[in-house]
Amino acid sequence: MGRPEMSTWSMRSPGMDSSHSSSAARMRPRCHESLRREPQKAATRRVGCAVVDAVTDPMIFLRSWVAVTLSPSAESGVALSTDRCGGQLRCLMSCPLGAIVLLVLRRRFRYAELREDWEVEFGPQRFSYKDLYRATEGFSDTHLLGIGGFGRVYRGTLLVSKVEVAVKKVAHDSKQGIKEFISEVVSIGRLQHSNLAPLLGYCRRRGELFLVYEYMPNGSVDKYLHRREGKPILNWAQRWHIIKGIASCLVYLHEEWEKVVIHRDIKASNVLLDGDMNGRLGDFGLARLYDHDADPQTTHVVGTIGYLAPELGHTSKATPLTDVFAFGVFILEVTCGQRPVNPNLEDSQVLLVESVLEQWNKGSLLDAVDKQLGGNYNADEACLALKLGLLCSHPFANARPTMRQVMQYLDRDMPLPEMTPTDLSFQMMTIMQNEGFDQFVMTYPSSTASVDSTSVLTVGR
């Protein structure tokens, strides 16, 4: 009569086999070999095997849990079989070590990450979820810096290095080109410019992506422009310095780095201020890269209403000139202290570009400058900023300057082209150029603007 394939043993009391209790800490191969050779001594050793399995391979433990849960209960005592998937767990659940193993498993799954073989090359730029979780105290609301359309940002301090970081937590679908996206994130992490908020790395879990930036202690520019959180007013010298710094950064991104980098979300809330109040362009979560000689690829239209170039609604192609448009709106926002889209008394909304053009058409362009400055600003610089902001945000892409030209205008190395306001509506000109964009904007109620008879620019080259 052959030996049965599985056999069941009753657990003996610890005192009956104490000489073998120390073997619980031995490695798994030796432990399982002992089970085959000495079944009468195996009960206590199974505890050690279960601990080893649970800690080194949680999936083995889970499969064991399912097997035990679905199997009939033993008639007496704790049934142990030579089958690895059942016996170990039954023994484990009957001893004090079971609670320890369950605690270990709970901690492992709390910090579980999604990691694939192709990510090995990105090792130095990848943070562990455990480190980010501890740095932000479990992504506590007390560490929340802000909430945007694409995720939440938390402040944290890495426990080992004591470096302060800003962690952006965004959702992602791991099936939607995540390898290419991570590759671009790591590439962006290699960018080096004094007006960039450094992207330090990333972390990935199932359904979640974390982008880790160097923390900027003075927050974002929009909080100063719109007096949020009790921030003081930025004086004109600070505003002019910030405008020039971000312009220099965009020249680097568009023309000077090894690839063309399109930011796609330039706005006041993404311009951060370091300890010396230097402007730093941050949040590259929407950025795209391509070779200098390549044609930009069609993508989903993403960005923030009020900063979106008109042609995006038709071409769906982000280019350096779509970044220039957003930068032009940014210049106007910093100079005027007004949001890109503002409500008016008729309960509709007006573009900042239109209101600046209207002031120029009246012959009072400088009346558009932020009233909070109390007239304390350089009139020549403010006039240049307003005209340059209008030029950059021109509805016709081919009428906009490149960022290198913008930098030359700001440095006074080259005069602005002659520009005059006309009687055409800026909004109407946009509709005439591209009906598709108007339909796209209308899907966002907060972005609709009144079509008044204001002004637009004509540019002579």
Protein backbone atom coordinates (compact mmCIF):
# COMPACT_ATOMS: atom_id res chain seq x y z
CA MET A 1 0.00 0.00 0.00
CA GLY A 2 1.55 3.24 -1.15
CA ARG A 3 2.23 6.21 1.04
CA PRO A 4 -0.63 8.71 0.88
CA GLU A 5 0.05 11.87 -1.05
CA MET A 6 -1.00 14.09 1.87
CA SER A 7 -0.99 13.34 5.55
CA THR A 8 -2.35 15.21 8.54
CA TRP A 9 -0.64 15.58 11.89
CA SER A 10 -1.86 16.86 15.19
CA MET A 11 0.06 19.75 16.65
CA ARG A 12 2.06 18.84 19.71
CA SER A 13 2.55 21.25 22.56
CA PRO A 14 5.64 23.46 22.39
CA GLY A 15 7.16 21.71 25.37
CA MET A 16 7.14 18.33 23.68
CA ASP A 17 9.44 19.50 20.89
CA SER A 18 11.25 22.54 22.24
CA SER A 19 14.60 21.32 20.95
CA HIS A 20 13.48 22.17 17.47
CA SER A 21 11.85 25.55 18.10
CA SER A 22 14.97 27.45 17.06
CA SER A 23 14.75 25.99 13.57
CA ALA A 24 11.86 28.38 12.79
CA ALA A 25 14.38 30.98 11.70
CA ARG A 26 16.17 28.76 9.20
CA MET A 27 15.91 29.35 5.47
CA ARG A 28 12.98 27.87 3.55
CA PRO A 29 14.75 25.17 1.45
CA ARG A 30 16.20 23.44 4.50
CA CYS A 31 12.94 23.83 6.35
CA HIS A 32 10.90 22.12 3.63
CA GLU A 33 13.45 19.35 3.31
CA SER A 34 13.06 18.70 7.03
CA LEU A 35 9.31 18.44 6.58
CA ARG A 36 9.70 15.65 4.11
CA ARG A 37 12.22 13.73 6.23
CA GLU A 38 10.85 14.23 9.72
CA PRO A 39 7.09 14.74 9.60
CA GLN A 40 6.71 14.09 13.30
CA LYS A 41 9.00 17.05 14.09
CA ALA A 42 7.68 19.40 11.45
CA ALA A 43 4.82 21.15 13.21
CA THR A 44 6.86 23.77 14.96
CA ARG A 45 9.18 24.21 12.01
CA ARG A 46 6.22 25.05 9.82
CA VAL A 47 5.83 28.26 11.77
CA GLY A 48 9.27 29.35 10.63
CA CYS A 49 8.49 28.39 7.05
CA ALA A 50 5.28 30.37 7.14
CA VAL A 51 7.13 33.41 8.46
CA VAL A 52 9.75 33.09 5.74
CA ASP A 53 7.10 32.69 3.04
CA ALA A 54 4.98 35.55 4.28
CA VAL A 55 7.82 38.01 4.56
CA THR A 56 9.67 37.09 1.38
CA ASP A 57 6.66 36.44 -0.83
CA PRO A 58 3.32 37.89 0.28
CA MET A 59 1.52 36.25 -2.65
CA ILE A 60 2.37 32.79 -1.30
CA PHE A 61 0.87 33.83 1.99
CA LEU A 62 -2.28 35.12 0.33
CA ARG A 63 -2.72 31.95 -1.69
CA SER A 64 -2.32 30.01 1.52
CA TRP A 65 -4.93 32.13 3.22
CA VAL A 66 -7.41 31.50 0.43
CA ALA A 67 -6.70 27.74 0.52
CA VAL A 68 -7.22 27.54 4.25
CA THR A 69 -10.31 29.71 4.19
CA LEU A 70 -12.00 27.55 1.56
CA SER A 71 -10.92 24.16 2.94
CA PRO A 72 -12.90 22.17 5.55
CA SER A 73 -11.79 22.79 9.10
CA ALA A 74 -9.80 20.16 10.88
CA GLU A 75 -11.64 17.80 13.23
CA SER A 76 -9.38 18.47 16.16
CA GLY A 77 -6.47 20.70 16.98
CA VAL A 78 -4.77 22.55 14.15
CA ALA A 79 -4.46 20.36 11.11
CA LEU A 80 -1.16 20.48 9.31
CA SER A 81 -0.65 18.95 5.90
CA THR A 82 2.53 18.48 4.01
CA ASP A 83 0.91 20.68 1.37
CA ARG A 84 2.70 24.03 1.61
CA CYS A 85 -0.39 26.03 0.72
CA GLY A 86 -2.43 24.91 3.70
CA GLY A 87 -0.46 23.51 6.57
CA GLN A 88 1.90 26.40 7.11
CA LEU A 89 -0.86 28.91 7.45
CA ARG A 90 -2.92 26.77 9.82
CA CYS A 91 0.09 26.48 12.08
CA LEU A 92 0.89 30.16 11.67
CA MET A 93 -2.61 31.23 12.66
CA SER A 94 -2.39 29.17 15.83
CA CYS A 95 0.77 30.79 17.18
CA PRO A 96 1.78 34.28 18.39
CA LEU A 97 4.00 34.71 15.35
CA GLY A 98 0.86 34.86 13.22
CA ALA A 99 0.05 38.34 14.47
CA ILE A 100 3.58 39.47 13.67
CA VAL A 101 3.36 38.12 10.13
CA LEU A 102 0.00 39.75 9.54
CA LEU A 103 1.44 43.06 10.75
CA VAL A 104 4.39 42.69 8.38
CA LEU A 105 2.05 41.97 5.50
CA ARG A 106 -0.10 44.94 6.30
CA ARG A 107 2.93 47.21 6.22
CA ARG A 108 4.17 45.68 2.97
CA PHE A 109 0.89 46.23 1.17
CA ARG A 110 0.54 49.76 2.54
CA TYR A 111 3.80 50.69 0.82
CA ALA A 112 3.33 48.43 -2.23
CA GLU A 113 4.47 49.95 -5.52
CA LEU A 114 4.05 49.15 -9.18
CA ARG A 115 7.47 48.42 -10.62
CA GLU A 116 8.26 46.88 -13.99
CA ASP A 117 11.48 45.56 -15.51
CA TRP A 118 11.89 48.49 -17.89
CA GLU A 119 12.07 50.89 -14.92
CA VAL A 120 15.44 49.54 -13.80
CA GLU A 121 17.26 52.10 -15.95
CA PHE A 122 15.44 54.88 -14.10
CA GLY A 123 16.46 53.64 -10.66
CA PRO A 124 18.22 56.76 -9.30
CA GLN A 125 15.20 58.92 -10.22
CA ARG A 126 12.66 56.66 -8.55
CA PHE A 127 11.55 57.30 -4.97
CA SER A 128 10.06 54.61 -2.77
CA TYR A 129 6.43 55.11 -1.86
CA LYS A 130 7.34 54.38 1.74
CA ASP A 131 9.70 57.38 1.81
CA LEU A 132 7.10 59.69 0.28
CA TYR A 133 4.37 58.39 2.58
CA ARG A 134 6.49 59.08 5.65
CA ALA A 135 7.71 62.43 4.33
CA THR A 136 4.13 63.69 3.98
CA GLU A 137 2.83 61.88 7.09
CA GLY A 138 0.56 59.70 5.01
CA PHE A 139 -0.34 62.51 2.58
CA SER A 140 -2.02 64.33 5.41
CA ASP A 141 -4.22 67.34 4.67
CA THR A 142 -2.01 69.34 7.00
CA HIS A 143 0.74 68.99 4.37
CA LEU A 144 -1.50 69.91 1.43
CA LEU A 145 -0.06 72.80 -0.59
CA GLY A 146 -2.73 73.00 -3.26
CA ILE A 147 -5.25 71.24 -5.46
CA GLY A 148 -5.21 71.61 -9.22
CA GLY A 149 -7.07 70.14 -12.15
CA PHE A 150 -4.48 67.38 -12.45
CA GLY A 151 -3.80 66.41 -8.85
CA ARG A 152 -2.91 67.40 -5.32
CA VAL A 153 0.46 68.74 -4.15
CA TYR A 154 1.86 67.94 -0.70
CA ARG A 155 4.80 69.29 1.21
CA GLY A 156 7.13 66.79 2.82
CA THR A 157 10.57 66.26 4.32
CA LEU A 158 12.54 63.15 3.41
CA LEU A 159 13.51 61.48 6.67
CA VAL A 160 17.06 60.46 5.75
CA SER A 161 18.32 63.44 3.74
CA LYS A 162 16.05 66.03 5.45
CA VAL A 163 15.43 67.56 2.02
CA GLU A 164 12.12 69.40 1.68
CA VAL A 165 10.10 68.27 -1.33
CA ALA A 166 6.78 68.99 -3.02
CA VAL A 167 5.02 65.79 -4.05
CA LYS A 168 2.36 65.96 -6.76
CA LYS A 169 -0.08 63.05 -6.65
CA VAL A 170 -1.88 62.39 -9.93
CA ALA A 171 -3.97 59.55 -11.32
CA HIS A 172 -2.81 57.64 -14.36
CA ASP A 173 -3.76 54.62 -16.41
CA SER A 174 -0.81 52.24 -16.51
CA LYS A 175 -1.91 51.08 -19.97
CA GLN A 176 -1.78 54.53 -21.53
CA GLY A 177 1.83 54.97 -22.67
CA ILE A 178 3.21 55.05 -19.14
CA LYS A 179 6.67 53.88 -20.26
CA GLU A 180 7.04 56.83 -22.61
CA PHE A 181 5.68 59.19 -19.96
CA ILE A 182 8.12 58.00 -17.30
CA SER A 183 10.95 58.26 -19.80
CA GLU A 184 10.01 61.90 -20.42
CA VAL A 185 9.72 62.59 -16.69
CA VAL A 186 13.23 61.25 -16.15
CA SER A 187 14.54 63.27 -19.09
CA ILE A 188 12.96 66.42 -17.67
CA GLY A 189 14.71 65.62 -14.40
CA ARG A 190 18.00 66.25 -16.21
CA LEU A 191 17.07 69.84 -17.08
CA GLN A 192 19.26 72.42 -15.37
CA HIS A 193 18.37 76.10 -15.32
CA SER A 194 18.31 78.63 -12.52
CA ASN A 195 14.65 79.44 -13.22
CA LEU A 196 13.39 75.86 -13.17
CA ALA A 197 11.86 74.14 -10.16
CA PRO A 198 13.93 70.93 -10.22
CA LEU A 199 12.04 67.70 -10.83
CA LEU A 200 13.82 65.21 -8.57
CA GLY A 201 12.08 62.01 -9.57
CA TYR A 202 8.92 59.96 -9.44
CA CYS A 203 7.14 57.04 -7.81
CA ARG A 204 4.41 54.82 -9.21
CA ARG A 205 1.65 52.72 -7.72
CA ARG A 206 -1.27 51.09 -9.47
CA GLY A 207 -3.45 53.93 -10.69
CA GLU A 208 -1.28 56.64 -9.11
CA LEU A 209 1.81 58.57 -10.13
CA PHE A 210 3.86 60.81 -7.84
CA LEU A 211 6.13 63.56 -9.17
CA VAL A 212 8.70 64.84 -6.69
CA TYR A 213 9.96 68.42 -6.94
CA GLU A 214 12.30 70.52 -4.89
CA TYR A 215 10.19 72.53 -2.46
CA MET A 216 9.95 76.27 -3.08
CA PRO A 217 9.46 78.06 0.27
CA ASN A 218 7.70 81.19 -0.97
CA GLY A 219 4.89 79.49 -2.85
CA SER A 220 3.43 80.41 -6.22
CA VAL A 221 3.18 83.81 -7.89
CA ASP A 222 -0.61 83.76 -8.12
CA LYS A 223 -0.94 83.87 -4.34
CA TYR A 224 0.91 87.19 -4.31
CA LEU A 225 -0.92 88.66 -7.29
CA HIS A 226 -4.37 87.83 -5.93
CA ARG A 227 -3.58 88.30 -2.21
CA ARG A 228 -4.24 84.73 -1.15
CA GLU A 229 -3.13 83.32 2.21
CA GLY A 230 -2.12 86.79 3.38
CA LYS A 231 0.77 87.10 0.91
CA PRO A 232 2.22 90.61 0.47
CA ILE A 233 2.07 92.56 -2.79
CA LEU A 234 4.92 92.00 -5.24
CA ASN A 235 6.60 95.29 -6.08
CA TRP A 236 7.33 96.14 -9.69
CA ALA A 237 11.03 95.25 -9.54
CA GLN A 238 10.11 91.76 -8.32
CA ARG A 239 7.51 91.33 -11.07
CA TRP A 240 9.90 92.45 -13.80
CA HIS A 241 12.57 90.10 -12.46
CA ILE A 242 10.12 87.18 -12.46
CA ILE A 243 8.97 87.88 -16.04
CA LYS A 244 12.54 87.97 -17.33
CA GLY A 245 13.51 84.84 -15.41
CA ILE A 246 10.66 82.75 -16.82
CA ALA A 247 11.37 84.06 -20.33
CA SER A 248 15.00 82.95 -19.99
CA CYS A 249 13.83 79.54 -18.80
CA LEU A 250 11.55 79.10 -21.84
CA VAL A 251 14.40 80.00 -24.21
CA TYR A 252 16.35 77.17 -22.61
CA LEU A 253 13.45 74.71 -22.91
CA HIS A 254 12.57 75.56 -26.50
CA GLU A 255 15.98 76.10 -28.05
CA GLU A 256 18.98 75.36 -25.84
CA TRP A 257 18.42 71.88 -24.39
CA GLU A 258 19.10 68.68 -26.33
CA LYS A 259 15.39 68.32 -27.12
CA VAL A 260 12.50 70.73 -27.51
CA VAL A 261 10.49 70.83 -24.29
CA ILE A 262 6.92 72.12 -24.48
CA HIS A 263 5.61 72.89 -21.01
CA ARG A 264 1.91 73.12 -21.98
CA ASP A 265 0.74 74.60 -18.68
CA ILE A 266 2.47 77.93 -18.14
CA LYS A 267 0.48 80.01 -15.64
CA ALA A 268 0.98 82.04 -12.48
CA SER A 269 0.20 79.12 -10.17
CA ASN A 270 2.96 77.07 -11.81
CA VAL A 271 5.59 79.77 -11.34
CA LEU A 272 7.10 79.28 -7.90
CA LEU A 273 9.29 81.55 -5.82
CA ASP A 274 12.44 80.32 -4.12
CA GLY A 275 14.00 81.76 -0.98
CA ASP A 276 15.38 84.74 -2.90
CA MET A 277 12.07 85.43 -4.70
CA ASN A 278 13.39 84.17 -8.03
CA GLY A 279 10.71 82.82 -10.34
CA ARG A 280 10.98 79.06 -10.97
CA LEU A 281 8.84 77.33 -13.60
CA GLY A 282 7.45 74.10 -12.14
CA ASP A 283 4.93 71.32 -12.69
CA PHE A 284 6.13 69.51 -15.80
CA GLY A 285 3.43 66.86 -15.52
CA LEU A 286 1.96 67.86 -18.90
CA ALA A 287 5.24 68.59 -20.68
CA ARG A 288 6.14 66.97 -23.99
CA LEU A 289 9.53 66.46 -25.61
CA TYR A 290 10.54 66.00 -29.22
CA ASP A 291 13.66 66.32 -31.36
CA HIS A 292 14.60 69.74 -32.69
CA ASP A 293 14.09 68.69 -36.32
CA ALA A 294 10.87 66.76 -35.68
CA ASP A 295 7.26 67.84 -36.11
CA PRO A 296 5.18 67.99 -32.89
CA GLN A 297 2.73 65.13 -32.52
CA THR A 298 -1.01 65.55 -32.14
CA THR A 299 -2.07 65.17 -28.50
CA HIS A 300 -5.10 65.70 -26.32
CA VAL A 301 -5.77 69.39 -25.67
CA VAL A 302 -4.66 69.99 -22.10
CA GLY A 303 -3.89 73.09 -20.13
CA THR A 304 -5.76 75.83 -18.31
CA ILE A 305 -8.56 77.90 -19.80
CA GLY A 306 -7.41 81.45 -20.39
CA TYR A 307 -3.88 80.31 -21.27
CA LEU A 308 -4.79 78.03 -24.21
CA ALA A 309 -3.71 79.19 -27.66
CA PRO A 310 -6.59 79.39 -30.18
CA GLU A 311 -5.04 76.96 -32.68
CA LEU A 312 -5.02 74.13 -30.15
CA GLY A 313 -8.75 73.62 -30.64
CA HIS A 314 -8.15 72.84 -34.31
CA THR A 315 -4.68 71.29 -34.57
CA SER A 316 -4.34 69.66 -31.11
CA LYS A 317 -0.60 70.25 -31.53
CA ALA A 318 1.37 71.79 -28.70
CA THR A 319 4.29 73.80 -30.09
CA PRO A 320 6.72 76.41 -28.77
CA LEU A 321 4.28 79.06 -30.02
CA THR A 322 1.46 77.69 -27.87
CA ASP A 323 3.81 78.11 -24.91
CA VAL A 324 4.51 81.66 -26.11
CA PHE A 325 0.77 82.41 -26.07
CA ALA A 326 0.48 81.21 -22.46
CA PHE A 327 3.56 83.22 -21.51
CA GLY A 328 1.99 86.34 -23.02
CA VAL A 329 -1.09 85.86 -20.83
CA PHE A 330 1.23 85.30 -17.86
CA ILE A 331 2.99 88.64 -18.55
CA LEU A 332 -0.37 90.42 -18.57
CA GLU A 333 -1.48 88.70 -15.36
CA VAL A 334 1.72 89.70 -13.54
CA THR A 335 1.58 93.28 -14.85
CA CYS A 336 -2.15 93.86 -14.30
CA GLY A 337 -2.70 91.76 -11.20
CA GLN A 338 -5.82 90.30 -12.87
CA ARG A 339 -6.77 86.74 -13.74
CA PRO A 340 -6.85 85.73 -17.45
CA VAL A 341 -10.64 85.40 -17.35
CA ASN A 342 -12.64 87.77 -15.14
CA PRO A 343 -16.37 88.15 -14.44
CA ASN A 344 -18.00 91.49 -15.22
CA LEU A 345 -21.11 93.25 -13.91
CA GLU A 346 -23.34 91.62 -16.55
CA ASP A 347 -22.56 88.18 -15.05
CA SER A 348 -20.49 87.20 -18.09
CA GLN A 349 -16.74 86.86 -18.43
CA VAL A 350 -14.11 89.00 -20.13
CA LEU A 351 -10.63 88.01 -21.25
CA LEU A 352 -7.80 89.99 -19.67
CA VAL A 353 -6.34 90.41 -23.16
CA GLU A 354 -9.51 92.19 -24.27
CA SER A 355 -9.56 94.57 -21.32
CA VAL A 356 -5.91 95.56 -21.89
CA LEU A 357 -6.60 96.13 -25.58
CA GLU A 358 -9.58 98.29 -24.66
CA GLN A 359 -7.40 100.49 -22.44
CA TRP A 360 -4.87 100.85 -25.23
CA ASN A 361 -7.59 101.72 -27.69
CA LYS A 362 -8.65 104.52 -25.33
CA GLY A 363 -5.09 105.84 -25.23
CA SER A 364 -4.62 104.88 -21.58
CA LEU A 365 -2.62 101.65 -21.75
CA LEU A 366 -0.89 102.18 -18.40
CA ASP A 367 -4.28 102.27 -16.67
CA ALA A 368 -4.20 98.48 -17.03
CA VAL A 369 -1.25 98.22 -14.61
CA ASP A 370 -2.08 96.69 -11.22
CA LYS A 371 -3.69 99.36 -9.03
CA GLN A 372 -2.19 97.72 -5.93
CA LEU A 373 1.18 99.13 -6.97
CA GLY A 374 -0.12 102.63 -6.29
CA GLY A 375 1.70 104.03 -9.31
CA ASN A 376 5.10 102.84 -8.04
CA TYR A 377 6.45 101.20 -11.18
CA ASN A 378 8.75 101.86 -14.11
CA ALA A 379 6.44 103.20 -16.82
CA ASP A 380 8.73 102.19 -19.71
CA GLU A 381 9.06 98.62 -18.44
CA ALA A 382 5.33 98.36 -17.72
CA CYS A 383 4.42 99.63 -21.19
CA LEU A 384 6.84 97.16 -22.76
CA ALA A 385 5.41 94.32 -20.66
CA LEU A 386 1.83 95.11 -21.68
CA LYS A 387 2.60 95.38 -25.39
CA LEU A 388 4.79 92.30 -25.33
CA GLY A 389 2.11 90.35 -23.49
CA LEU A 390 -0.40 91.29 -26.19
CA LEU A 391 2.03 90.38 -28.96
CA CYS A 392 2.78 86.97 -27.43
CA SER A 393 -0.92 86.23 -26.96
CA HIS A 394 -1.85 87.19 -30.50
CA PRO A 395 -4.54 84.84 -31.91
CA PHE A 396 -2.46 84.20 -35.05
CA ALA A 397 0.42 81.88 -34.18
CA ASN A 398 2.65 83.20 -36.97
CA ALA A 399 2.34 86.73 -35.54
CA ARG A 400 3.86 85.70 -32.21
CA PRO A 401 7.59 86.05 -31.52
CA THR A 402 9.84 83.19 -30.49
CA MET A 403 11.02 83.09 -26.90
CA ARG A 404 14.49 84.15 -28.00
CA GLN A 405 12.98 87.26 -29.59
CA VAL A 406 10.97 87.84 -26.42
CA MET A 407 14.18 87.79 -24.41
CA GLN A 408 15.76 90.28 -26.81
CA TYR A 409 12.78 92.62 -26.39
CA LEU A 410 12.99 92.38 -22.60
CA ASP A 411 16.74 93.06 -22.64
CA ARG A 412 16.18 96.00 -25.02
CA ASP A 413 18.50 94.38 -27.53
CA MET A 414 15.78 94.70 -30.16
CA PRO A 415 12.81 97.09 -30.35
CA LEU A 416 9.26 95.81 -30.44
CA PRO A 417 7.65 95.78 -33.91
CA GLU A 418 5.26 98.64 -34.57
CA MET A 419 1.82 97.76 -33.26
CA THR A 420 -1.48 99.62 -33.28
CA PRO A 421 -4.89 98.65 -31.88
CA THR A 422 -7.72 98.25 -34.39
CA ASP A 423 -11.48 98.15 -34.09
CA LEU A 424 -11.71 94.38 -34.52
CA SER A 425 -12.70 92.27 -31.54
CA PHE A 426 -9.97 90.00 -30.21
CA GLN A 427 -12.55 87.31 -29.50
CA MET A 428 -14.15 87.68 -32.93
CA MET A 429 -10.75 87.38 -34.59
CA THR A 430 -10.21 84.12 -32.73
CA ILE A 431 -13.55 82.76 -33.93
CA MET A 432 -12.78 83.84 -37.50
CA GLN A 433 -9.46 82.02 -37.36
CA ASN A 434 -10.68 78.77 -35.87
CA GLU A 435 -14.26 77.74 -35.25
CA GLY A 436 -13.14 74.48 -33.66
CA PHE A 437 -11.52 76.31 -30.76
CA ASP A 438 -14.71 78.22 -30.03
CA GLN A 439 -16.62 74.95 -29.73
CA PHE A 440 -13.92 73.56 -27.45
CA VAL A 441 -14.04 76.60 -25.17
CA MET A 442 -17.80 76.51 -24.96
CA THR A 443 -17.59 73.11 -23.26
CA TYR A 444 -16.05 74.92 -20.27
CA PRO A 445 -18.61 77.39 -18.89
CA SER A 446 -16.01 79.16 -16.77
CA SER A 447 -13.99 80.06 -19.85
CA THR A 448 -16.63 81.67 -22.06
CA ALA A 449 -16.00 85.31 -22.75
CA SER A 450 -18.24 88.06 -24.01
CA VAL A 451 -17.81 89.05 -27.63
CA ASP A 452 -17.67 92.82 -27.27
CA SER A 453 -16.40 95.31 -29.80
CA THR A 454 -12.97 95.92 -28.31
CA SER A 455 -9.60 95.86 -30.01
CA VAL A 456 -6.90 93.67 -31.43
CA LEU A 457 -3.35 94.09 -32.68
CA THR A 458 -2.02 94.41 -36.18
CA VAL A 459 1.66 93.71 -36.43
CA GLY A 460 4.04 95.17 -38.96
CA ARG A 461 7.31 93.34 -39.52
